[in-house]
Structure formats: structure tokens, C-alpha cells
Amino acid sequence: MSEADIEYRGHIIDVQSFESEGKWWRPKAVVSIYHGGTVHTKMVAAPIDVMFDSEVAADTYSLEMAKKWIDDKS
């Protein structure tokens, strides 16, 4: 996925999937929003048993997971 942050419904999503042991990719994203003069951040990570065999697949899952967290919070 690109290095650029993604804006979604006033939040900024930074996809940070990472490669773990055994060459599996773990989905992770950081969601940020500027509110009340402060930047608030939330790390959104997949359950421990969710892994992918490619960075692209993990990044795609991370982005959808972050969007769902934003939607559920609204």
C-alpha cells in the first residue's frame, strides 16, 4: 500500500501492517483525529490468529478494519 495516510470521515488512517515470524503479515493500523485541540490516536490491530501471506492483503484488511472501527464509533 502507498506510504500516504488515508483520510476517511475526518480521521487519518496510517496502515502499518508488519511481517512477523514465519513470513506472515499481521494487519495493523493507527487511526488519528484532531479533536478539541488535541490529536487522538487509536491503534487498531487484528486478532492474533489473523495473518496473511502478503503485505498487500494485510494492508487491505488493515484499512477495512480501521474504517469499520471509525464507522462503529460514529
Protein backbone atom coordinates (compact mmCIF):
# COMPACT_ATOMS: atom_id res chain seq x y z
CA MET A 1 0.00 0.00 0.00
CA SER A 2 1.20 3.54 -0.55
CA GLU A 3 3.11 5.43 2.10
CA ALA A 4 0.39 8.10 2.17
CA ASP A 5 -2.07 8.32 5.01
CA ILE A 6 -5.72 7.80 4.08
CA GLU A 7 -8.45 10.26 5.10
CA TYR A 8 -11.78 8.67 5.98
CA ARG A 9 -14.72 10.51 7.58
CA GLY A 10 -12.47 13.14 9.19
CA HIS A 11 -9.99 10.56 10.52
CA ILE A 12 -6.50 9.78 9.22
CA ILE A 13 -5.62 6.11 8.78
CA ASP A 14 -1.98 5.04 8.77
CA VAL A 15 -1.73 1.40 7.66
CA GLN A 16 1.19 -0.28 9.47
CA SER A 17 0.99 -4.00 8.65
CA PHE A 18 4.16 -5.80 9.62
CA GLU A 19 5.91 -9.06 8.84
CA SER A 20 6.08 -11.47 11.76
CA GLU A 21 7.87 -14.75 12.29
CA GLY A 22 7.41 -17.29 9.58
CA LYS A 23 6.95 -14.69 6.84
CA TRP A 24 3.33 -13.96 7.73
CA TRP A 25 1.92 -10.42 7.59
CA ARG A 26 -0.04 -9.04 10.56
CA PRO A 27 -2.67 -6.33 9.92
CA LYS A 28 -2.39 -3.14 11.96
CA ALA A 29 -3.45 0.49 11.52
CA VAL A 30 -3.28 3.69 13.53
CA VAL A 31 -6.35 5.95 13.37
CA SER A 32 -5.93 9.64 14.27
CA ILE A 33 -8.37 12.52 14.62
CA TYR A 34 -7.86 16.13 15.63
CA HIS A 35 -10.46 16.97 18.27
CA GLY A 36 -10.62 19.70 20.88
CA GLY A 37 -7.13 20.99 20.12
CA THR A 38 -5.53 17.57 20.54
CA VAL A 39 -4.65 14.72 18.22
CA HIS A 40 -6.21 11.47 19.47
CA THR A 41 -4.86 8.16 18.19
CA LYS A 42 -6.07 4.59 18.37
CA MET A 43 -4.15 1.50 17.33
CA VAL A 44 -6.42 -1.00 15.59
CA ALA A 45 -4.92 -4.48 15.32
CA ALA A 46 -6.35 -7.72 14.03
CA PRO A 47 -6.87 -10.68 16.38
CA ILE A 48 -3.69 -12.69 16.90
CA ASP A 49 -4.83 -15.52 14.61
CA VAL A 50 -5.44 -13.22 11.60
CA MET A 51 -2.39 -13.27 9.31
CA PHE A 52 -1.83 -13.01 5.59
CA ASP A 53 0.80 -14.32 3.21
CA SER A 54 1.30 -10.92 1.55
CA GLU A 55 1.75 -7.33 2.65
CA VAL A 56 -0.92 -6.14 0.20
CA ALA A 57 -3.54 -8.49 1.66
CA ALA A 58 -2.66 -7.46 5.22
CA ASP A 59 -2.78 -3.75 4.28
CA THR A 60 -6.17 -4.16 2.60
CA TYR A 61 -7.53 -5.89 5.71
CA SER A 62 -5.98 -3.19 7.94
CA LEU A 63 -7.68 -0.41 6.02
CA GLU A 64 -11.08 -2.12 6.14
CA MET A 65 -10.63 -2.89 9.84
CA ALA A 66 -9.82 0.79 10.58
CA LYS A 67 -12.80 2.01 8.53
CA LYS A 68 -15.10 -0.36 10.42
CA TRP A 69 -13.75 0.92 13.75
CA ILE A 70 -14.47 4.51 12.64
CA ASP A 71 -17.98 3.57 11.41
CA ASP A 72 -18.80 1.69 14.62
CA LYS A 73 -17.59 4.63 16.72
CA SER A 74 -19.80 7.14 14.90
